[in-house]
């Protein structure tokens, strides 16, 4: 797997590169946002690891530029973990974030989680439906779930709402989780475990911002907020 690291601190850039290479990743690195954008456009990368504070084009702007053409997994790094940094990064299209300094094991765990979501196997079994409560109307093949004008091909991983909809890996995994439990309220911690692969309590803002992005793509009315509990996909 190839990772593009964009970090302006040379010491951090070298240490993170060495750590990731020890885990078997191929790492290309840049010290500013514009160079990072050039490297991204020139090569094929399986994941982007972006610092928020970068000279020239900052990490938020770089994330937005990448999202204009690609749904590659993006992990943001924030030195402070300020709410504004976190929210801005997730709103720009990032899939997750870590706060610096970050333990190497934690960083690699987050990267592996994002890459697992990105390579979600098209041949995997579709989300299970309860015999009493089928997941949406089955149309044709068993891998097609239909909820009104929303259709989800769980084998081909294609989503359509009056036309094809492009989703980032995390958005797709989130939608598949909702589609496996239509009409059921899913709390944030459950979504963090099942979608983000968090084995520990994570920041629920990740869930909220990803739900917000997903709503923009499939329709705001499709995912209902159950105040004080979580979210559910309307049948």
Protein backbone atom coordinates (compact mmCIF):
# COMPACT_ATOMS: atom_id res chain seq x y z
CA UNK A 1 0.00 0.00 0.00
CA UNK A 2 1.26 3.46 -0.91
CA UNK A 3 0.78 6.39 1.47
CA UNK A 4 1.25 10.07 0.70
CA UNK A 5 2.38 11.97 3.80
CA UNK A 6 2.17 15.77 3.77
CA UNK A 7 3.80 17.26 6.88
CA UNK A 8 5.86 20.46 7.13
CA UNK A 9 7.85 19.46 10.23
CA UNK A 10 10.89 17.62 8.85
CA UNK A 11 11.55 15.68 12.05
CA UNK A 12 7.96 14.44 12.24
CA UNK A 13 7.92 13.72 8.51
CA UNK A 14 11.03 11.56 8.74
CA UNK A 15 9.97 9.72 11.89
CA UNK A 16 6.47 8.95 10.56
CA UNK A 17 7.91 7.84 7.22
CA UNK A 18 10.36 5.48 8.91
CA UNK A 19 7.66 4.09 11.21
CA UNK A 20 5.25 3.41 8.35
CA UNK A 21 7.96 1.85 6.23
CA UNK A 22 8.75 -0.55 9.09
CA UNK A 23 5.14 -1.71 8.81
CA UNK A 24 5.59 -2.37 5.11
CA UNK A 25 4.00 0.74 3.61
CA UNK A 26 5.52 2.65 0.70
CA UNK A 27 5.65 6.33 1.66
CA UNK A 28 5.98 9.42 -0.51
CA UNK A 29 6.25 12.70 1.40
CA UNK A 30 5.97 16.44 0.91
CA UNK A 31 6.62 19.41 3.18
CA UNK A 32 3.87 21.73 1.90
CA UNK A 33 0.38 21.51 0.48
CA UNK A 34 1.11 22.49 -3.12
CA UNK A 35 3.91 19.93 -3.44
CA UNK A 36 1.63 17.36 -1.86
CA UNK A 37 -1.07 18.14 -4.42
CA UNK A 38 1.43 17.70 -7.25
CA UNK A 39 2.58 14.34 -5.87
CA UNK A 40 -1.01 13.22 -5.49
CA UNK A 41 -1.81 14.08 -9.10
CA UNK A 42 1.35 12.43 -10.41
CA UNK A 43 1.07 9.08 -8.66
CA UNK A 44 -1.28 6.47 -7.28
CA UNK A 45 -1.76 6.54 -3.53
CA UNK A 46 -3.92 4.27 -1.39
CA UNK A 47 -4.19 6.75 1.48
CA UNK A 48 -3.33 10.38 2.26
CA UNK A 49 -1.99 11.44 5.66
CA UNK A 50 -2.28 15.22 5.91
CA UNK A 51 -1.21 17.70 8.56
CA UNK A 52 -3.72 20.48 9.14
CA UNK A 53 -1.19 23.30 9.40
CA UNK A 54 0.81 23.46 6.17
CA UNK A 55 2.54 26.36 4.39
CA UNK A 56 0.95 27.62 1.20
CA UNK A 57 -2.04 25.32 0.75
CA UNK A 58 -3.07 24.05 4.18
CA UNK A 59 -4.30 20.55 4.94
CA UNK A 60 -7.97 21.55 4.83
CA UNK A 61 -7.58 23.15 1.40
CA UNK A 62 -5.56 20.19 0.14
CA UNK A 63 -8.24 17.80 1.35
CA UNK A 64 -10.90 19.75 -0.54
CA UNK A 65 -8.80 19.78 -3.73
CA UNK A 66 -8.28 16.02 -3.54
CA UNK A 67 -11.98 15.40 -2.95
CA UNK A 68 -12.79 17.21 -6.19
CA UNK A 69 -11.43 14.26 -8.15
CA UNK A 70 -10.83 11.35 -5.75
CA UNK A 71 -12.44 9.36 -2.94
CA UNK A 72 -9.08 8.06 -1.65
CA UNK A 73 -9.08 7.62 2.16
CA UNK A 74 -7.78 10.71 3.97
CA UNK A 75 -6.49 10.81 7.55
CA UNK A 76 -5.90 14.26 9.01
CA UNK A 77 -3.35 15.12 11.72
CA UNK A 78 -3.94 18.00 14.12
CA UNK A 79 -1.33 19.23 16.57
CA UNK A 80 -3.90 20.43 19.05
CA UNK A 81 -7.07 18.49 18.36
CA UNK A 82 -9.00 21.76 18.46
CA UNK A 83 -12.68 21.32 17.65
CA UNK A 84 -12.39 23.77 14.75
CA UNK A 85 -9.51 21.81 13.19
CA UNK A 86 -11.34 18.52 13.57
CA UNK A 87 -14.67 19.76 12.24
CA UNK A 88 -13.05 21.63 9.35
CA UNK A 89 -11.09 18.56 8.30
CA UNK A 90 -14.07 16.24 8.42
CA UNK A 91 -16.30 18.74 6.61
CA UNK A 92 -13.65 19.04 3.90
CA UNK A 93 -13.96 15.31 3.25
CA UNK A 94 -11.46 13.62 5.58
CA UNK A 95 -12.41 10.17 6.83
CA UNK A 96 -10.76 10.35 10.25
CA UNK A 97 -8.20 12.31 12.27
CA UNK A 98 -5.50 11.83 14.88
CA UNK A 99 -4.00 14.29 17.35
CA UNK A 100 -0.22 14.83 17.35
CA UNK A 101 1.92 13.57 18.91
CA UNK A 102 0.38 10.23 18.03
CA UNK A 103 1.57 6.80 19.11
CA UNK A 104 2.80 4.79 16.11
CA UNK A 105 0.62 1.81 16.98
CA UNK A 106 -2.48 4.02 17.12
CA UNK A 107 -1.59 5.70 13.82
CA UNK A 108 -1.07 2.36 12.07
CA UNK A 109 -4.33 1.04 13.53
CA UNK A 110 -6.22 4.02 12.11
CA UNK A 111 -4.51 3.60 8.73
CA UNK A 112 -5.32 -0.11 8.60
CA UNK A 113 -8.93 0.62 9.49
CA UNK A 114 -9.25 3.16 6.67
CA UNK A 115 -7.60 0.84 4.16
CA UNK A 116 -9.90 -2.05 5.14
CA UNK A 117 -12.87 0.18 4.42
CA UNK A 118 -11.38 1.28 1.11
CA UNK A 119 -10.87 -2.28 -0.12
CA UNK A 120 -14.22 -3.59 1.12
CA UNK A 121 -14.62 -6.67 -1.03
CA UNK A 122 -17.31 -6.49 -3.75
CA UNK A 123 -17.62 -10.24 -3.35
CA UNK A 124 -18.48 -10.04 0.31
CA UNK A 125 -21.90 -11.11 1.44
CA UNK A 126 -24.51 -8.34 1.48
CA UNK A 127 -25.68 -7.00 4.83
CA UNK A 128 -27.97 -9.48 6.51
CA UNK A 129 -31.67 -8.74 6.73
CA UNK A 130 -34.01 -9.96 9.40
CA UNK A 131 -36.48 -12.58 8.07
CA UNK A 132 -39.33 -10.62 9.64
CA UNK A 133 -38.06 -7.24 8.48
CA UNK A 134 -36.35 -7.38 5.07
CA UNK A 135 -33.84 -4.62 4.42
CA UNK A 136 -35.74 -2.54 1.92
CA UNK A 137 -37.50 -3.87 -1.15
CA UNK A 138 -35.47 -6.53 -2.92
CA UNK A 139 -35.38 -5.71 -6.61
CA UNK A 140 -34.13 -8.43 -8.92
CA UNK A 141 -30.88 -9.84 -7.52
CA UNK A 142 -30.48 -10.30 -3.78
CA UNK A 143 -27.61 -7.82 -3.71
CA UNK A 144 -29.80 -4.86 -4.63
CA UNK A 145 -31.46 -2.92 -1.81
CA UNK A 146 -34.02 -0.27 -2.65
CA UNK A 147 -35.34 2.43 -0.32
CA UNK A 148 -37.56 4.71 -2.38
CA UNK A 149 -35.33 6.39 -4.96
CA UNK A 150 -32.20 5.14 -3.17
CA UNK A 151 -30.74 1.88 -4.49
CA UNK A 152 -27.65 0.11 -3.15
CA UNK A 153 -25.86 -2.69 -4.96
CA UNK A 154 -24.11 -4.41 -2.05
CA UNK A 155 -22.01 -6.62 -4.35
CA UNK A 156 -20.88 -4.03 -6.89
CA UNK A 157 -20.89 -1.29 -4.22
CA UNK A 158 -22.82 1.05 -6.49
CA UNK A 159 -25.19 3.64 -5.06
CA UNK A 160 -27.82 5.49 -7.04
CA UNK A 161 -30.30 8.28 -6.31
CA UNK A 162 -31.81 9.19 -9.67
CA UNK A 163 -28.33 8.53 -11.03
CA UNK A 164 -24.96 7.25 -9.76
CA UNK A 165 -23.67 8.68 -6.48
CA UNK A 166 -19.93 8.69 -5.67
CA UNK A 167 -19.20 7.99 -2.01
CA UNK A 168 -15.95 8.02 -0.08
CA UNK A 169 -15.08 4.64 1.52
CA UNK A 170 -16.26 5.69 4.97
CA UNK A 171 -19.50 7.13 3.60
CA UNK A 172 -20.14 3.87 1.77
CA UNK A 173 -19.46 1.74 4.84
CA UNK A 174 -21.75 3.99 6.89
CA UNK A 175 -24.55 3.66 4.32
CA UNK A 176 -24.13 -0.14 4.22
CA UNK A 177 -24.37 -0.24 8.02
CA UNK A 178 -27.61 1.75 7.93
CA UNK A 179 -28.96 -0.40 5.08
CA UNK A 180 -28.30 -3.56 7.08
CA UNK A 181 -30.58 -2.21 9.85
CA UNK A 182 -33.28 -0.09 8.15
CA UNK A 183 -35.63 1.62 10.57
CA UNK A 184 -33.36 0.73 13.51
CA UNK A 185 -31.77 3.50 15.57
CA UNK A 186 -27.97 3.11 15.64
CA UNK A 187 -26.13 5.03 18.34
CA UNK A 188 -22.82 6.75 17.67
CA UNK A 189 -20.66 4.30 19.62
CA UNK A 190 -22.12 1.38 17.65
CA UNK A 191 -21.34 3.18 14.41
CA UNK A 192 -17.80 3.96 15.60
CA UNK A 193 -17.23 0.27 16.29
CA UNK A 194 -18.84 -1.13 13.15
CA UNK A 195 -17.87 1.50 10.58
CA UNK A 196 -14.64 3.02 11.93
CA UNK A 197 -13.42 -0.22 13.56
CA UNK A 198 -12.79 1.60 16.83
CA UNK A 199 -12.12 -0.84 19.64
CA UNK A 200 -12.31 2.08 22.05
CA UNK A 201 -14.51 5.12 22.55
CA UNK A 202 -13.88 7.56 19.71
CA UNK A 203 -14.91 11.09 18.95
CA UNK A 204 -18.60 11.11 17.99
CA UNK A 205 -18.00 14.20 15.85
CA UNK A 206 -16.52 11.83 13.27
CA UNK A 207 -19.91 10.11 13.02
CA UNK A 208 -21.93 13.33 12.95
CA UNK A 209 -19.85 14.92 10.21
CA UNK A 210 -19.85 11.77 8.07
CA UNK A 211 -23.64 11.50 8.43
CA UNK A 212 -23.86 15.14 7.36
CA UNK A 213 -21.79 14.43 4.22
CA UNK A 214 -23.78 11.30 3.44
CA UNK A 215 -27.05 13.23 3.70
CA UNK A 216 -25.81 15.70 1.09
CA UNK A 217 -25.23 12.81 -1.32
CA UNK A 218 -28.34 10.66 -0.83
CA UNK A 219 -30.86 13.21 0.48
CA UNK A 220 -31.14 14.83 3.89
CA UNK A 221 -34.52 13.22 4.59
CA UNK A 222 -33.21 9.68 4.09
CA UNK A 223 -31.28 9.53 7.40
CA UNK A 224 -33.30 10.57 10.43
CA UNK A 225 -31.81 11.94 13.65
CA UNK A 226 -33.33 10.45 16.79
CA UNK A 227 -32.36 13.07 19.31
CA UNK A 228 -30.48 11.72 22.29
CA UNK A 229 -30.01 8.28 20.71
CA UNK A 230 -28.50 8.30 17.21
CA UNK A 231 -29.54 7.89 13.58
CA UNK A 232 -31.65 5.57 11.47
CA UNK A 233 -32.24 4.95 7.77
CA UNK A 234 -35.85 5.49 6.80
CA UNK A 235 -37.43 2.56 5.03
